[in-house]
């Protein structure tokens, strides 16, 4: 079978979507399928490997100052050329597309012309994200219409969690067309063994996207109340500039911001962190979302602190070094101070990583996603 994966980001660019799709592409290639990826050029400074046996074609795309492809104009800078790129390459037996729904629409139209099936990897529900971020009602309606169009025409919809599956069904996707494949992290990259960032002075790490739906500002407010601990952000997001301004006001010199880096560098930061942070803003309509940065933290053996609501709470409660707290800077500060006063031992970190290896590896996720693709009825020649 020949499969084309269409995504605005792909390995080695560090993002949950990159990890998921790289694992799927690698699994398909290992099964003997021909896999081609249509994606964007890497941001400056990001280097690394792609899965063996997978052909990756990259094209220009608009990125913001942080290096992220985010926002409708940058999306379209990828989606419009993607439509023509799909028509220009040799036809595939199946196509896989990742959000946003604008990319889904480009694939929908192109595959309709080619009379080929496509699978939508629903790792996110952008209509809910737009509503949670306070977008105008008209924008939310348009995004929802796009998503419903893509879901309706997809041969299969891959869901990353039970909460996403439930939301998809609630929004009208037939349960029979959903494959719940789960989610995870590459435990070969994110592992306790390997180089670590210097842990002196100790730091709390927020590694990943910081946008309106995450509410990462709670950590900036909290760090001002915890002497002796610095806060490090690694990654991009629509709230980064706002977080920088607030950090200068309440905790000058104690909050660092670093651009997106390769996955192995994220792992170095996690290995040296006193605690890894994650959050989902409560009462924003996005509480079904799971911050996959928690998988990476657990796999590296880092203690985890989750703030907010959603499935991240249950994950933090299950993790040996996990902790969950309400989205309140005073309560977050108390937990940070406690972790600073009683750092995890080397053995505790190893135990956390061992637990993660059996709980959050992407290998099983990729196998289930590949099974779903192989189950699609081959198109008539």
Protein backbone atom coordinates (compact mmCIF):
# COMPACT_ATOMS: atom_id res chain seq x y z
CA UNK A 1 0.00 0.00 0.00
CA UNK A 2 1.15 3.52 -0.75
CA UNK A 3 0.33 6.12 1.94
CA UNK A 4 0.77 9.89 1.86
CA UNK A 5 0.92 11.80 5.16
CA UNK A 6 0.01 15.50 4.94
CA UNK A 7 0.94 17.69 7.90
CA UNK A 8 2.26 21.21 8.37
CA UNK A 9 4.83 19.83 10.84
CA UNK A 10 6.75 16.58 10.94
CA UNK A 11 9.80 15.09 12.66
CA UNK A 12 12.28 16.23 13.76
CA UNK A 13 10.30 19.41 14.53
CA UNK A 14 9.32 18.92 18.20
CA UNK A 15 5.55 18.72 18.58
CA UNK A 16 3.01 16.11 19.57
CA UNK A 17 1.80 15.88 15.96
CA UNK A 18 5.35 15.31 14.71
CA UNK A 19 5.91 12.46 17.16
CA UNK A 20 2.57 10.78 16.36
CA UNK A 21 2.95 10.97 12.62
CA UNK A 22 6.60 9.96 12.61
CA UNK A 23 5.75 6.87 14.66
CA UNK A 24 2.90 6.01 12.28
CA UNK A 25 5.05 6.57 9.18
CA UNK A 26 7.82 4.44 10.65
CA UNK A 27 5.42 1.64 11.55
CA UNK A 28 3.89 1.63 8.06
CA UNK A 29 7.33 1.56 6.46
CA UNK A 30 8.38 -1.29 8.75
CA UNK A 31 5.34 -3.25 7.54
CA UNK A 32 6.50 -2.87 3.96
CA UNK A 33 4.26 0.00 2.86
CA UNK A 34 5.50 2.92 0.79
CA UNK A 35 5.20 6.14 2.80
CA UNK A 36 5.64 9.70 1.57
CA UNK A 37 5.24 12.78 3.78
CA UNK A 38 4.23 16.20 2.45
CA UNK A 39 5.18 18.78 5.06
CA UNK A 40 6.91 22.12 5.61
CA UNK A 41 10.52 23.21 5.85
CA UNK A 42 12.00 22.95 9.32
CA UNK A 43 12.39 26.08 11.45
CA UNK A 44 15.86 27.53 11.76
CA UNK A 45 18.05 25.57 14.15
CA UNK A 46 15.99 22.37 14.21
CA UNK A 47 17.86 19.32 12.96
CA UNK A 48 17.39 15.61 13.37
CA UNK A 49 16.38 12.40 11.71
CA UNK A 50 13.20 11.21 10.05
CA UNK A 51 11.92 7.61 10.18
CA UNK A 52 13.87 5.07 8.15
CA UNK A 53 12.30 4.15 4.83
CA UNK A 54 10.05 7.23 4.74
CA UNK A 55 10.35 9.85 1.99
CA UNK A 56 9.81 13.40 3.25
CA UNK A 57 9.10 16.31 0.90
CA UNK A 58 9.29 19.79 2.44
CA UNK A 59 8.03 23.13 1.13
CA UNK A 60 8.12 26.74 2.29
CA UNK A 61 5.62 27.91 4.87
CA UNK A 62 4.96 31.12 6.81
CA UNK A 63 6.14 30.92 10.41
CA UNK A 64 5.74 33.45 13.20
CA UNK A 65 8.58 35.02 15.16
CA UNK A 66 8.79 31.98 17.43
CA UNK A 67 9.13 29.63 14.46
CA UNK A 68 5.64 28.13 14.77
CA UNK A 69 3.13 27.60 11.96
CA UNK A 70 0.09 29.04 13.70
CA UNK A 71 -2.82 31.18 12.58
CA UNK A 72 -5.03 31.08 9.54
CA UNK A 73 -2.69 32.87 7.11
CA UNK A 74 0.27 30.59 7.97
CA UNK A 75 -2.07 27.58 7.76
CA UNK A 76 -3.18 28.62 4.29
CA UNK A 77 0.43 29.19 3.23
CA UNK A 78 0.79 25.44 3.68
CA UNK A 79 -2.70 24.25 2.77
CA UNK A 80 -3.14 25.90 -0.62
CA UNK A 81 0.18 24.63 -2.04
CA UNK A 82 -0.55 21.25 -0.40
CA UNK A 83 -3.63 20.80 -2.58
CA UNK A 84 -1.51 21.10 -5.71
CA UNK A 85 1.33 19.05 -4.24
CA UNK A 86 -1.05 16.14 -3.65
CA UNK A 87 -2.24 16.30 -7.24
CA UNK A 88 1.35 16.53 -8.53
CA UNK A 89 2.75 13.41 -6.86
CA UNK A 90 1.89 9.82 -7.64
CA UNK A 91 -1.49 8.78 -6.26
CA UNK A 92 -1.62 6.92 -2.98
CA UNK A 93 -3.97 4.21 -1.76
CA UNK A 94 -4.73 6.26 1.36
CA UNK A 95 -3.93 9.69 2.78
CA UNK A 96 -3.46 10.74 6.41
CA UNK A 97 -4.03 14.33 7.50
CA UNK A 98 -3.53 16.08 10.82
CA UNK A 99 -5.37 19.23 12.06
CA UNK A 100 -6.01 22.08 11.46
CA UNK A 101 -9.25 21.53 9.52
CA UNK A 102 -8.05 23.88 6.76
CA UNK A 103 -5.45 21.22 5.95
CA UNK A 104 -8.18 18.62 6.21
CA UNK A 105 -10.25 20.51 3.63
CA UNK A 106 -7.30 20.72 1.23
CA UNK A 107 -6.83 16.95 1.49
CA UNK A 108 -10.59 16.33 1.27
CA UNK A 109 -10.89 18.17 -2.05
CA UNK A 110 -7.70 16.74 -3.53
CA UNK A 111 -8.57 13.14 -2.61
CA UNK A 112 -12.11 13.59 -3.93
CA UNK A 113 -10.65 14.51 -7.30
CA UNK A 114 -8.30 11.52 -7.11
CA UNK A 115 -11.06 9.23 -5.81
CA UNK A 116 -8.93 8.08 -2.93
CA UNK A 117 -9.80 7.71 0.79
CA UNK A 118 -8.28 9.80 3.55
CA UNK A 119 -7.98 9.36 7.32
CA UNK A 120 -8.26 12.31 9.70
CA UNK A 121 -6.01 12.08 12.75
CA UNK A 122 -8.15 13.93 15.29
CA UNK A 123 -5.63 14.82 17.95
CA UNK A 124 -7.44 18.08 18.56
CA UNK A 125 -10.83 19.71 18.06
CA UNK A 126 -10.09 23.18 16.74
CA UNK A 127 -13.66 24.45 17.09
CA UNK A 128 -13.46 23.89 20.83
CA UNK A 129 -9.99 25.41 20.93
CA UNK A 130 -11.20 28.52 19.09
CA UNK A 131 -14.13 28.90 21.46
CA UNK A 132 -11.90 28.42 24.50
CA UNK A 133 -9.49 31.06 23.20
CA UNK A 134 -12.29 33.60 22.96
CA UNK A 135 -12.46 33.78 19.16
CA UNK A 136 -15.49 35.56 17.66
CA UNK A 137 -18.59 33.40 17.36
CA UNK A 138 -18.47 33.66 13.56
CA UNK A 139 -14.94 32.26 13.50
CA UNK A 140 -15.91 29.40 15.79
CA UNK A 141 -18.88 28.54 13.52
CA UNK A 142 -16.68 28.48 10.42
CA UNK A 143 -14.09 26.27 12.10
CA UNK A 144 -16.79 23.87 13.29
CA UNK A 145 -18.26 23.65 9.78
CA UNK A 146 -14.84 22.85 8.34
CA UNK A 147 -14.22 20.15 10.92
CA UNK A 148 -17.62 18.56 10.41
CA UNK A 149 -17.06 18.51 6.64
CA UNK A 150 -13.73 16.75 7.08
CA UNK A 151 -15.06 14.26 9.64
CA UNK A 152 -18.06 13.47 7.43
CA UNK A 153 -15.93 12.68 4.37
CA UNK A 154 -13.06 10.88 6.13
CA UNK A 155 -12.89 7.10 5.68
CA UNK A 156 -11.80 6.84 9.31
CA UNK A 157 -11.24 9.29 12.15
CA UNK A 158 -8.39 8.47 14.52
CA UNK A 159 -8.92 9.64 18.09
CA UNK A 160 -6.12 10.10 20.61
CA UNK A 161 -8.15 9.55 23.78
CA UNK A 162 -11.49 8.52 25.26
CA UNK A 163 -12.33 12.17 25.96
CA UNK A 164 -11.68 13.15 22.33
CA UNK A 165 -13.76 10.16 21.17
CA UNK A 166 -16.66 11.22 23.37
CA UNK A 167 -16.47 14.78 22.06
CA UNK A 168 -16.35 13.60 18.44
CA UNK A 169 -19.48 11.51 18.98
CA UNK A 170 -21.15 14.44 20.70
CA UNK A 171 -20.39 16.56 17.63
CA UNK A 172 -21.95 14.03 15.27
CA UNK A 173 -19.19 11.64 14.19
CA UNK A 174 -20.56 8.05 14.09
CA UNK A 175 -18.81 5.89 16.67
CA UNK A 176 -18.40 3.13 14.08
CA UNK A 177 -16.08 5.36 12.04
CA UNK A 178 -13.79 6.30 14.95
CA UNK A 179 -10.65 4.34 15.82
CA UNK A 180 -9.39 5.26 19.27
CA UNK A 181 -5.65 4.71 18.92
CA UNK A 182 -4.46 6.58 22.00
CA UNK A 183 -1.44 8.81 22.35
CA UNK A 184 2.08 8.67 23.71
CA UNK A 185 5.70 9.69 23.21
CA UNK A 186 8.85 8.33 21.61
CA UNK A 187 10.47 6.62 24.58
CA UNK A 188 13.68 6.10 22.61
CA UNK A 189 14.24 9.88 22.61
CA UNK A 190 12.52 10.72 25.88
CA UNK A 191 14.28 8.44 28.34
CA UNK A 192 15.98 8.92 31.73
CA UNK A 193 19.43 8.02 30.40
CA UNK A 194 21.37 10.70 28.58
CA UNK A 195 22.81 14.18 29.04
CA UNK A 196 20.92 16.66 31.21
CA UNK A 197 20.87 20.42 31.54
CA UNK A 198 22.67 21.79 34.57
CA UNK A 199 20.20 21.82 37.45
CA UNK A 200 21.82 24.65 39.39
CA UNK A 201 20.10 26.88 40.11
CA UNK A 202 17.11 24.51 40.09
CA UNK A 203 14.35 25.13 37.58
CA UNK A 204 10.74 24.25 36.82
CA UNK A 205 10.25 23.52 33.12
CA UNK A 206 7.33 24.25 30.82
CA UNK A 207 8.26 22.51 27.55
CA UNK A 208 5.81 22.93 24.70
CA UNK A 209 3.07 25.17 23.37
CA UNK A 210 1.80 27.97 25.59
CA UNK A 211 -1.47 29.26 24.14
CA UNK A 212 -4.74 30.66 25.44
CA UNK A 213 -6.19 27.24 26.17
CA UNK A 214 -3.29 26.23 28.41
CA UNK A 215 -3.27 29.10 30.90
CA UNK A 216 0.47 28.81 31.53
CA UNK A 217 0.45 32.24 33.14
CA UNK A 218 -0.43 30.53 36.41
CA UNK A 219 3.19 29.34 36.61
CA UNK A 220 4.58 32.84 36.09
CA UNK A 221 2.41 34.14 38.94
CA UNK A 222 3.40 31.19 41.11
CA UNK A 223 7.16 31.39 40.57
CA UNK A 224 7.20 34.89 42.07
CA UNK A 225 6.19 33.23 45.35
CA UNK A 226 8.93 30.55 45.34
CA UNK A 227 12.42 31.89 46.13
CA UNK A 228 15.30 29.77 44.86
CA UNK A 229 13.46 28.29 41.89
CA UNK A 230 13.56 29.64 38.35
CA UNK A 231 10.99 29.03 35.62
CA UNK A 232 12.01 27.97 32.11
CA UNK A 233 9.76 27.98 29.04
CA UNK A 234 10.95 26.04 25.99
CA UNK A 235 8.79 26.29 22.89
CA UNK A 236 6.34 28.57 21.15
CA UNK A 237 2.74 29.67 21.57
CA UNK A 238 0.39 32.58 21.16
CA UNK A 239 0.80 33.65 24.81
CA UNK A 240 4.59 33.70 24.96
CA UNK A 241 4.94 37.46 24.51
CA UNK A 242 2.29 38.13 27.14
CA UNK A 243 4.02 35.72 29.50
CA UNK A 244 7.32 37.51 28.94
CA UNK A 245 5.82 40.88 29.80
CA UNK A 246 4.18 39.53 32.95
CA UNK A 247 7.37 37.75 34.02
CA UNK A 248 9.28 41.02 33.79
CA UNK A 249 6.72 42.58 36.12
CA UNK A 250 6.36 39.94 38.83
CA UNK A 251 9.57 37.87 38.67
CA UNK A 252 12.28 39.84 36.84
CA UNK A 253 15.35 37.77 36.01
CA UNK A 254 13.80 34.52 37.21
CA UNK A 255 11.90 33.39 34.09
CA UNK A 256 13.67 32.24 30.93
CA UNK A 257 12.18 31.81 27.47
CA UNK A 258 13.80 29.60 24.85
CA UNK A 259 12.71 28.96 21.27
CA UNK A 260 11.58 25.60 19.95
CA UNK A 261 14.38 23.03 20.00
CA UNK A 262 14.85 19.48 18.77
CA UNK A 263 13.33 16.61 20.78
CA UNK A 264 16.68 15.41 22.14
CA UNK A 265 17.31 18.91 23.51
CA UNK A 266 13.87 18.94 25.15
CA UNK A 267 14.83 15.64 26.78
CA UNK A 268 18.00 17.26 28.18
CA UNK A 269 15.93 20.03 29.74
CA UNK A 270 13.51 17.49 31.24
CA UNK A 271 16.26 15.36 32.77
CA UNK A 272 17.63 18.36 34.62
CA UNK A 273 14.31 19.83 35.74
CA UNK A 274 13.23 19.86 39.37
CA UNK A 275 9.66 19.57 38.08
CA UNK A 276 7.97 19.61 34.67
CA UNK A 277 4.84 21.72 34.29
CA UNK A 278 1.63 21.37 32.29
CA UNK A 279 -1.75 23.06 32.42
CA UNK A 280 -5.18 23.30 30.82
CA UNK A 281 -7.24 26.36 31.66
CA UNK A 282 -10.47 25.46 33.49
CA UNK A 283 -13.92 26.61 32.38
CA UNK A 284 -12.68 27.26 28.86
CA UNK A 285 -14.54 24.52 27.03
CA UNK A 286 -11.29 22.70 26.26
CA UNK A 287 -10.99 20.48 29.30
CA UNK A 288 -11.11 17.30 27.21
CA UNK A 289 -7.58 18.10 25.96
CA UNK A 290 -4.49 16.33 27.25
CA UNK A 291 -1.12 18.16 27.24
CA UNK A 292 1.20 15.59 25.68
CA UNK A 293 4.20 17.33 27.24
CA UNK A 294 3.30 15.26 30.31
CA UNK A 295 4.18 12.06 28.43
CA UNK A 296 7.64 13.38 27.60
CA UNK A 297 8.22 14.47 31.19
CA UNK A 298 7.19 11.11 32.62
CA UNK A 299 9.31 9.17 30.13
CA UNK A 300 12.39 11.20 31.13
CA UNK A 301 11.67 10.55 34.81
CA UNK A 302 10.89 14.17 35.65
CA UNK A 303 8.39 14.95 38.43
CA UNK A 304 5.17 16.43 37.00
CA UNK A 305 2.91 19.20 38.22
CA UNK A 306 -0.38 19.65 36.37
CA UNK A 307 -2.57 22.68 36.99
CA UNK A 308 -6.12 23.01 35.72
CA UNK A 309 -8.80 20.57 34.63
CA UNK A 310 -9.10 17.63 32.29
CA UNK A 311 -7.54 14.19 31.77
CA UNK A 312 -4.15 15.59 32.78
CA UNK A 313 -5.35 15.45 36.38
CA UNK A 314 -5.87 11.69 36.29
CA UNK A 315 -2.54 11.13 34.54
CA UNK A 316 -0.69 13.18 37.17
CA UNK A 317 -2.41 11.23 39.92
CA UNK A 318 -1.32 7.92 38.35
CA UNK A 319 2.29 8.89 37.71
CA UNK A 320 4.67 7.94 40.56
CA UNK A 321 6.06 11.50 40.65
CA UNK A 322 2.89 13.25 39.51
CA UNK A 323 0.88 15.92 41.25
CA UNK A 324 -2.28 17.81 40.25
CA UNK A 325 -3.55 21.09 41.64
CA UNK A 326 -6.22 23.66 40.87
CA UNK A 327 -5.45 26.49 38.46
CA UNK A 328 -4.48 28.88 41.25
CA UNK A 329 -1.04 30.51 41.61
CA UNK A 330 -1.01 30.25 45.40
CA UNK A 331 -1.69 26.51 45.34
CA UNK A 332 0.77 25.99 42.46
CA UNK A 333 3.43 27.90 44.41
CA UNK A 334 2.89 25.66 47.45
CA UNK A 335 3.46 22.52 45.36
CA UNK A 336 6.51 24.02 43.66
CA UNK A 337 8.02 24.93 47.02
CA UNK A 338 7.37 21.43 48.31
CA UNK A 339 9.06 19.86 45.29
CA UNK A 340 12.02 22.24 45.63
CA UNK A 341 12.39 21.29 49.29
CA UNK A 342 12.21 17.55 48.61
CA UNK A 343 13.70 16.85 45.16
CA UNK A 344 13.12 13.47 43.56
CA UNK A 345 15.90 10.94 43.98
CA UNK A 346 17.64 9.23 41.08
CA UNK A 347 15.79 6.00 41.87
CA UNK A 348 12.43 7.74 42.00
CA UNK A 349 13.10 9.23 38.57
CA UNK A 350 14.03 5.81 37.22
CA UNK A 351 10.82 4.35 38.64
CA UNK A 352 8.78 7.07 36.99
CA UNK A 353 10.47 6.44 33.62
CA UNK A 354 9.91 2.69 33.95
CA UNK A 355 6.23 3.31 34.64
CA UNK A 356 6.01 5.59 31.60
CA UNK A 357 7.67 3.01 29.35
CA UNK A 358 4.75 0.68 29.94
CA UNK A 359 2.10 3.40 29.82
CA UNK A 360 2.91 6.06 27.24
CA UNK A 361 5.07 4.56 24.49
CA UNK A 362 4.05 5.61 20.97
CA UNK A 363 4.88 2.18 19.58
CA UNK A 364 1.48 0.72 20.47
CA UNK A 365 -0.28 3.86 19.26
CA UNK A 366 1.43 3.61 15.87
CA UNK A 367 0.50 -0.06 15.59
CA UNK A 368 -3.19 0.68 16.19
CA UNK A 369 -3.18 3.59 13.75
CA UNK A 370 -1.47 1.46 11.11
CA UNK A 371 -4.05 -1.29 11.66
CA UNK A 372 -6.82 1.24 11.03
CA UNK A 373 -5.21 2.32 7.77
CA UNK A 374 -4.70 -1.24 6.59
CA UNK A 375 -8.38 -1.97 7.26
CA UNK A 376 -9.50 0.65 4.74
CA UNK A 377 -10.83 -1.02 1.63
CA UNK A 378 -8.32 -0.48 -1.20
CA UNK A 379 -9.66 1.82 -3.94
CA UNK A 380 -10.59 0.32 -7.27
CA UNK A 381 -7.77 0.88 -9.81
